[in-house]
Amino acid sequence: QGCQPRLTDNDDFRKTFQEALASALTKFDILETYFADGMRVPAVCGMITEELRRDADFEPTLAATGEEKLQTLLAKTVGTAYGMWKKGGGEAAAKPKQTRE
């Protein structure tokens, strides 16, 4: 058995999800661009979900695991990216400053 931890189904799903997500994200601008344009987490998740469903390598895993698990992990991942964007200046950094005349 050695010192290697045994991968669970959840670990396998996360690994496959991360690989599929990395592939899907290559087809989009960086997520911060969408946040700056006013898209929120549910809309960005929807856009990425559609791309993940087209991934032939991910489809068997998604079929075996279910949509709920995908949406939970995707919402957490995109939500974390949104939170980091907001913390880094978010909307304030994306909008030009108003000048007084």
N, C-alpha and C. Protein backbone atom coordinates (compact mmCIF):
# COMPACT_ATOMS: atom_id res chain seq x y z
N GLN A 1 0.82 -1.19 0.00
CA GLN A 1 0.00 0.00 0.00
C GLN A 1 0.86 1.25 0.00
N GLY A 2 2.02 1.23 0.64
CA GLY A 2 2.91 2.38 0.61
C GLY A 2 2.35 3.59 1.32
N CYS A 3 2.96 4.73 1.06
CA CYS A 3 2.56 5.98 1.70
C CYS A 3 1.60 6.80 0.85
N GLN A 4 1.25 6.30 -0.32
CA GLN A 4 0.36 7.05 -1.19
C GLN A 4 -1.06 7.03 -0.63
N PRO A 5 -1.69 8.22 -0.50
CA PRO A 5 -3.09 8.21 -0.07
C PRO A 5 -3.97 7.63 -1.17
N ARG A 6 -5.01 6.92 -0.76
CA ARG A 6 -5.92 6.33 -1.72
C ARG A 6 -6.86 7.41 -2.24
N LEU A 7 -6.94 7.52 -3.57
CA LEU A 7 -7.84 8.50 -4.17
C LEU A 7 -9.28 8.02 -4.03
N THR A 8 -10.14 8.91 -3.63
CA THR A 8 -11.57 8.60 -3.55
C THR A 8 -12.23 9.03 -4.84
N ASP A 9 -13.50 8.65 -4.99
CA ASP A 9 -14.26 9.09 -6.16
C ASP A 9 -14.31 10.61 -6.21
N ASN A 10 -14.40 11.24 -5.04
CA ASN A 10 -14.44 12.69 -4.97
C ASN A 10 -13.13 13.29 -5.47
N ASP A 11 -12.00 12.69 -5.08
CA ASP A 11 -10.69 13.15 -5.54
C ASP A 11 -10.57 13.00 -7.06
N ASP A 12 -11.04 11.86 -7.57
CA ASP A 12 -11.00 11.62 -9.01
C ASP A 12 -11.85 12.66 -9.75
N PHE A 13 -13.04 12.95 -9.21
CA PHE A 13 -13.90 13.95 -9.84
C PHE A 13 -13.23 15.31 -9.83
N ARG A 14 -12.65 15.71 -8.70
CA ARG A 14 -11.99 17.03 -8.61
C ARG A 14 -10.84 17.13 -9.61
N LYS A 15 -10.06 16.07 -9.73
CA LYS A 15 -8.92 16.07 -10.66
C LYS A 15 -9.43 16.21 -12.09
N THR A 16 -10.42 15.43 -12.45
CA THR A 16 -10.99 15.49 -13.80
C THR A 16 -11.64 16.84 -14.05
N PHE A 17 -12.34 17.37 -13.03
CA PHE A 17 -12.96 18.69 -13.14
C PHE A 17 -11.91 19.76 -13.38
N GLN A 18 -10.82 19.73 -12.63
CA GLN A 18 -9.77 20.74 -12.78
C GLN A 18 -9.16 20.69 -14.19
N GLU A 19 -8.96 19.50 -14.70
CA GLU A 19 -8.43 19.35 -16.06
C GLU A 19 -9.41 19.89 -17.09
N ALA A 20 -10.69 19.55 -16.95
CA ALA A 20 -11.71 20.01 -17.89
C ALA A 20 -11.90 21.53 -17.78
N LEU A 21 -11.85 22.06 -16.56
CA LEU A 21 -11.99 23.49 -16.37
C LEU A 21 -10.82 24.25 -17.01
N ALA A 22 -9.61 23.76 -16.81
CA ALA A 22 -8.45 24.40 -17.42
C ALA A 22 -8.59 24.43 -18.93
N SER A 23 -9.08 23.35 -19.50
CA SER A 23 -9.30 23.30 -20.95
C SER A 23 -10.38 24.29 -21.37
N ALA A 24 -11.48 24.31 -20.63
CA ALA A 24 -12.60 25.21 -20.97
C ALA A 24 -12.17 26.67 -20.89
N LEU A 25 -11.37 27.01 -19.87
CA LEU A 25 -10.98 28.40 -19.68
C LEU A 25 -10.07 28.92 -20.79
N THR A 26 -9.45 28.02 -21.54
CA THR A 26 -8.61 28.48 -22.65
C THR A 26 -9.45 29.07 -23.78
N LYS A 27 -10.74 28.82 -23.73
CA LYS A 27 -11.64 29.31 -24.78
C LYS A 27 -12.28 30.65 -24.45
N PHE A 28 -11.95 31.20 -23.27
CA PHE A 28 -12.53 32.45 -22.81
C PHE A 28 -11.44 33.44 -22.43
N ASP A 29 -11.85 34.71 -22.32
CA ASP A 29 -10.98 35.70 -21.72
C ASP A 29 -10.81 35.35 -20.25
N ILE A 30 -9.89 36.03 -19.57
CA ILE A 30 -9.77 35.78 -18.14
C ILE A 30 -11.08 36.16 -17.46
N LEU A 31 -11.41 35.47 -16.40
CA LEU A 31 -12.70 35.67 -15.74
C LEU A 31 -12.90 37.11 -15.28
N GLU A 32 -11.83 37.77 -14.87
CA GLU A 32 -11.94 39.15 -14.40
C GLU A 32 -12.53 40.07 -15.46
N THR A 33 -12.30 39.75 -16.72
CA THR A 33 -12.87 40.54 -17.82
C THR A 33 -14.39 40.49 -17.78
N TYR A 34 -14.93 39.32 -17.54
CA TYR A 34 -16.38 39.16 -17.48
C TYR A 34 -16.96 39.85 -16.25
N PHE A 35 -16.25 39.74 -15.12
CA PHE A 35 -16.71 40.41 -13.90
C PHE A 35 -16.71 41.93 -14.11
N ALA A 36 -15.67 42.45 -14.75
CA ALA A 36 -15.59 43.89 -15.00
C ALA A 36 -16.69 44.36 -15.94
N ASP A 37 -17.13 43.47 -16.83
CA ASP A 37 -18.22 43.81 -17.75
C ASP A 37 -19.60 43.68 -17.11
N GLY A 38 -19.64 43.33 -15.83
CA GLY A 38 -20.90 43.26 -15.11
C GLY A 38 -21.49 41.87 -14.96
N MET A 39 -20.84 40.84 -15.49
CA MET A 39 -21.35 39.48 -15.31
C MET A 39 -21.09 39.04 -13.87
N ARG A 40 -22.02 38.33 -13.32
CA ARG A 40 -21.88 37.82 -11.97
C ARG A 40 -21.64 36.32 -12.00
N VAL A 41 -21.37 35.77 -10.85
CA VAL A 41 -20.98 34.36 -10.74
C VAL A 41 -21.94 33.41 -11.46
N PRO A 42 -23.27 33.50 -11.27
CA PRO A 42 -24.16 32.54 -11.95
C PRO A 42 -24.05 32.60 -13.48
N ALA A 43 -23.90 33.79 -14.04
CA ALA A 43 -23.80 33.92 -15.50
C ALA A 43 -22.48 33.34 -16.01
N VAL A 44 -21.41 33.60 -15.29
CA VAL A 44 -20.11 33.06 -15.70
C VAL A 44 -20.12 31.53 -15.56
N CYS A 45 -20.73 31.03 -14.48
CA CYS A 45 -20.85 29.57 -14.31
C CYS A 45 -21.63 28.95 -15.46
N GLY A 46 -22.70 29.59 -15.87
CA GLY A 46 -23.50 29.08 -16.98
C GLY A 46 -22.70 28.98 -18.27
N MET A 47 -21.91 30.01 -18.53
CA MET A 47 -21.08 30.05 -19.73
C MET A 47 -20.05 28.90 -19.69
N ILE A 48 -19.42 28.71 -18.56
CA ILE A 48 -18.40 27.66 -18.43
C ILE A 48 -19.05 26.28 -18.45
N THR A 49 -20.22 26.14 -17.84
CA THR A 49 -20.92 24.85 -17.84
C THR A 49 -21.18 24.37 -19.25
N GLU A 50 -21.63 25.27 -20.10
CA GLU A 50 -21.89 24.89 -21.50
C GLU A 50 -20.63 24.34 -22.17
N GLU A 51 -19.51 24.97 -21.91
CA GLU A 51 -18.25 24.52 -22.49
C GLU A 51 -17.83 23.17 -21.89
N LEU A 52 -18.01 23.00 -20.59
CA LEU A 52 -17.66 21.72 -19.96
C LEU A 52 -18.50 20.57 -20.52
N ARG A 53 -19.76 20.84 -20.81
CA ARG A 53 -20.63 19.79 -21.36
C ARG A 53 -20.18 19.36 -22.75
N ARG A 54 -19.48 20.22 -23.46
CA ARG A 54 -18.98 19.88 -24.80
C ARG A 54 -17.68 19.08 -24.75
N ASP A 55 -17.08 18.97 -23.59
CA ASP A 55 -15.79 18.28 -23.43
C ASP A 55 -16.02 16.77 -23.42
N ALA A 56 -15.63 16.12 -24.51
CA ALA A 56 -15.87 14.68 -24.65
C ALA A 56 -15.13 13.87 -23.58
N ASP A 57 -13.98 14.36 -23.12
CA ASP A 57 -13.22 13.64 -22.10
C ASP A 57 -13.88 13.76 -20.72
N PHE A 58 -14.59 14.87 -20.47
CA PHE A 58 -15.22 15.11 -19.18
C PHE A 58 -16.63 14.53 -19.11
N GLU A 59 -17.26 14.36 -20.24
CA GLU A 59 -18.66 13.93 -20.30
C GLU A 59 -18.93 12.64 -19.52
N PRO A 60 -18.10 11.59 -19.65
CA PRO A 60 -18.39 10.37 -18.88
C PRO A 60 -18.33 10.60 -17.36
N THR A 61 -17.40 11.43 -16.92
CA THR A 61 -17.29 11.73 -15.49
C THR A 61 -18.51 12.51 -15.03
N LEU A 62 -18.92 13.48 -15.82
CA LEU A 62 -20.10 14.28 -15.48
C LEU A 62 -21.35 13.40 -15.43
N ALA A 63 -21.48 12.51 -16.40
CA ALA A 63 -22.63 11.61 -16.44
C ALA A 63 -22.66 10.70 -15.21
N ALA A 64 -21.51 10.24 -14.78
CA ALA A 64 -21.43 9.34 -13.63
C ALA A 64 -21.62 10.06 -12.30
N THR A 65 -21.22 11.32 -12.25
CA THR A 65 -21.22 12.05 -10.98
C THR A 65 -22.45 12.91 -10.78
N GLY A 66 -22.91 13.52 -11.85
CA GLY A 66 -24.11 14.32 -11.75
C GLY A 66 -23.87 15.82 -11.82
N GLU A 67 -24.89 16.50 -12.28
CA GLU A 67 -24.85 17.94 -12.50
C GLU A 67 -24.69 18.72 -11.20
N GLU A 68 -25.31 18.24 -10.12
CA GLU A 68 -25.25 18.98 -8.86
C GLU A 68 -23.81 19.12 -8.35
N LYS A 69 -23.06 18.06 -8.43
CA LYS A 69 -21.67 18.10 -7.98
C LYS A 69 -20.86 19.06 -8.84
N LEU A 70 -21.10 19.05 -10.14
CA LEU A 70 -20.43 19.97 -11.05
C LEU A 70 -20.75 21.41 -10.67
N GLN A 71 -22.03 21.71 -10.50
CA GLN A 71 -22.44 23.09 -10.21
C GLN A 71 -21.89 23.58 -8.87
N THR A 72 -21.85 22.71 -7.89
CA THR A 72 -21.33 23.08 -6.58
C THR A 72 -19.85 23.45 -6.68
N LEU A 73 -19.07 22.61 -7.32
CA LEU A 73 -17.64 22.86 -7.44
C LEU A 73 -17.35 24.06 -8.34
N LEU A 74 -18.11 24.19 -9.42
CA LEU A 74 -17.92 25.31 -10.34
C LEU A 74 -18.28 26.63 -9.66
N ALA A 75 -19.39 26.66 -8.93
CA ALA A 75 -19.79 27.88 -8.23
C ALA A 75 -18.75 28.29 -7.19
N LYS A 76 -18.18 27.31 -6.51
CA LYS A 76 -17.14 27.61 -5.52
C LYS A 76 -15.89 28.17 -6.21
N THR A 77 -15.50 27.57 -7.32
CA THR A 77 -14.31 28.01 -8.03
C THR A 77 -14.49 29.41 -8.61
N VAL A 78 -15.61 29.65 -9.29
CA VAL A 78 -15.87 30.97 -9.89
C VAL A 78 -16.12 32.00 -8.80
N GLY A 79 -16.83 31.61 -7.75
CA GLY A 79 -17.08 32.51 -6.64
C GLY A 79 -15.81 32.96 -5.96
N THR A 80 -14.85 32.06 -5.81
CA THR A 80 -13.56 32.41 -5.24
C THR A 80 -12.83 33.39 -6.15
N ALA A 81 -12.87 33.16 -7.46
CA ALA A 81 -12.23 34.08 -8.41
C ALA A 81 -12.89 35.46 -8.34
N TYR A 82 -14.21 35.48 -8.21
CA TYR A 82 -14.94 36.75 -8.11
C TYR A 82 -14.55 37.49 -6.83
N GLY A 83 -14.48 36.75 -5.73
CA GLY A 83 -14.09 37.35 -4.45
C GLY A 83 -12.69 37.94 -4.50
N MET A 84 -11.77 37.24 -5.14
CA MET A 84 -10.40 37.74 -5.27
C MET A 84 -10.38 38.98 -6.16
N TRP A 85 -11.19 38.97 -7.21
CA TRP A 85 -11.27 40.13 -8.09
C TRP A 85 -11.80 41.34 -7.32
N LYS A 86 -12.87 41.15 -6.56
CA LYS A 86 -13.45 42.23 -5.76
C LYS A 86 -12.44 42.74 -4.73
N LYS A 87 -11.75 41.83 -4.07
CA LYS A 87 -10.78 42.20 -3.04
C LYS A 87 -9.62 42.99 -3.64
N GLY A 88 -9.29 42.68 -4.88
CA GLY A 88 -8.19 43.35 -5.56
C GLY A 88 -8.58 44.69 -6.18
N GLY A 89 -9.75 45.17 -5.90
CA GLY A 89 -10.18 46.46 -6.45
C GLY A 89 -11.43 46.32 -7.27
N GLY A 90 -11.65 45.15 -7.81
CA GLY A 90 -12.87 44.81 -8.54
C GLY A 90 -13.46 45.91 -9.37
N GLU A 91 -14.70 46.23 -9.07
CA GLU A 91 -15.45 47.20 -9.86
C GLU A 91 -14.79 48.57 -9.85
N ALA A 92 -14.24 48.96 -8.73
CA ALA A 92 -13.60 50.28 -8.64
C ALA A 92 -12.40 50.36 -9.58
N ALA A 93 -11.65 49.27 -9.68
CA ALA A 93 -10.48 49.27 -10.55
C ALA A 93 -10.89 49.19 -12.02
N ALA A 94 -12.06 48.62 -12.30
CA ALA A 94 -12.50 48.44 -13.68
C ALA A 94 -13.14 49.68 -14.26
N LYS A 95 -13.62 50.59 -13.41
CA LYS A 95 -14.32 51.78 -13.89
C LYS A 95 -13.36 52.97 -13.88
N PRO A 96 -13.42 53.79 -14.93
CA PRO A 96 -12.57 54.98 -14.92
C PRO A 96 -13.04 55.95 -13.84
N LYS A 97 -12.11 56.68 -13.27
CA LYS A 97 -12.46 57.66 -12.24
C LYS A 97 -13.18 58.83 -12.87
N GLN A 98 -14.16 59.34 -12.14
CA GLN A 98 -14.90 60.53 -12.59
C GLN A 98 -14.07 61.76 -12.24
N THR A 99 -13.99 62.67 -13.18
CA THR A 99 -13.27 63.90 -12.92
C THR A 99 -14.28 65.01 -12.68
N ARG A 100 -13.89 65.95 -11.84
CA ARG A 100 -14.75 67.08 -11.55
C ARG A 100 -14.36 68.22 -12.48
N GLU A 101 -15.36 68.90 -12.98
CA GLU A 101 -15.08 70.03 -13.87
C GLU A 101 -15.36 71.33 -13.19
